[in-house]
């Protein structure tokens, strides 16, 4: 089985910070809603780590957005 490389920290996977800003919310709002540590939410927003699929789902519900809005779009064709 081939090993899957972990993405480098410079790759943006999520748009949580952008959607928070669009919705007029802050990291602190997300921390309070989930009871999460400040460092956890900060790492999600800065793409240093990614939430679980469950947390992405819950974030989308909290922000009243489509879960796809929380992700950076991928190119249609990768060569």
Protein backbone atom coordinates (compact mmCIF):
# COMPACT_ATOMS: atom_id res chain seq x y z
CA UNK A 1 0.00 0.00 0.00
CA UNK A 2 1.36 3.41 -0.97
CA UNK A 3 1.99 5.91 1.78
CA UNK A 4 -0.02 9.10 1.65
CA UNK A 5 2.10 12.18 2.18
CA UNK A 6 0.96 14.60 4.82
CA UNK A 7 0.36 18.03 3.26
CA UNK A 8 2.93 20.66 4.08
CA UNK A 9 1.86 23.44 6.40
CA UNK A 10 2.02 25.90 3.49
CA UNK A 11 -0.92 24.25 1.70
CA UNK A 12 -4.25 25.88 2.44
CA UNK A 13 -6.96 23.25 2.76
CA UNK A 14 -9.70 25.08 4.59
CA UNK A 15 -11.30 28.51 4.44
CA UNK A 16 -12.61 28.57 8.00
CA UNK A 17 -11.05 31.97 8.74
CA UNK A 18 -12.52 33.53 5.60
CA UNK A 19 -15.99 32.14 6.27
CA UNK A 20 -15.84 33.28 9.90
CA UNK A 21 -15.04 36.80 8.68
CA UNK A 22 -17.81 36.68 6.05
CA UNK A 23 -20.29 35.70 8.76
CA UNK A 24 -19.06 38.36 11.21
CA UNK A 25 -17.76 35.73 13.63
CA UNK A 26 -14.42 35.39 15.37
CA UNK A 27 -12.15 32.57 16.48
CA UNK A 28 -13.43 33.23 19.99
CA UNK A 29 -17.02 32.59 18.84
CA UNK A 30 -15.96 29.20 17.48
CA UNK A 31 -14.00 28.41 20.65
CA UNK A 32 -17.03 29.19 22.79
CA UNK A 33 -19.46 27.26 20.60
CA UNK A 34 -17.34 24.09 20.58
CA UNK A 35 -15.70 24.47 23.97
CA UNK A 36 -12.42 24.13 22.08
CA UNK A 37 -9.05 25.45 23.15
CA UNK A 38 -7.88 28.73 21.63
CA UNK A 39 -4.87 26.94 20.15
CA UNK A 40 -7.07 24.32 18.45
CA UNK A 41 -9.26 26.88 16.70
CA UNK A 42 -6.23 28.99 15.82
CA UNK A 43 -4.56 25.96 14.22
CA UNK A 44 -7.73 25.24 12.20
CA UNK A 45 -8.00 28.85 11.01
CA UNK A 46 -4.32 29.07 10.05
CA UNK A 47 -4.36 25.61 8.40
CA UNK A 48 -1.70 24.27 10.77
CA UNK A 49 -4.09 21.40 11.46
CA UNK A 50 -7.49 20.37 10.15
CA UNK A 51 -10.70 19.63 12.01
CA UNK A 52 -12.22 16.18 11.73
CA UNK A 53 -14.95 15.64 9.15
CA UNK A 54 -17.45 15.75 12.01
CA UNK A 55 -16.13 19.13 13.14
CA UNK A 56 -16.24 20.49 9.57
CA UNK A 57 -19.90 19.42 9.47
CA UNK A 58 -20.61 21.10 12.82
CA UNK A 59 -18.74 24.28 11.81
CA UNK A 60 -20.82 24.48 8.62
CA UNK A 61 -24.03 24.09 10.64
CA UNK A 62 -22.90 26.73 13.14
CA UNK A 63 -21.94 29.19 10.38
CA UNK A 64 -25.04 28.31 8.34
CA UNK A 65 -23.04 27.60 5.19
CA UNK A 66 -22.50 24.74 2.81
CA UNK A 67 -19.70 22.51 4.05
CA UNK A 68 -18.00 22.96 0.65
CA UNK A 69 -17.59 26.67 1.45
CA UNK A 70 -15.15 25.67 4.19
CA UNK A 71 -12.68 24.15 1.70
CA UNK A 72 -10.29 25.71 -0.80
CA UNK A 73 -11.44 24.61 -4.27
CA UNK A 74 -9.22 22.19 -6.14
CA UNK A 75 -8.20 22.70 -9.76
CA UNK A 76 -10.59 21.02 -12.19
CA UNK A 77 -7.78 19.33 -14.03
CA UNK A 78 -4.55 18.26 -12.39
CA UNK A 79 -1.80 17.25 -14.81
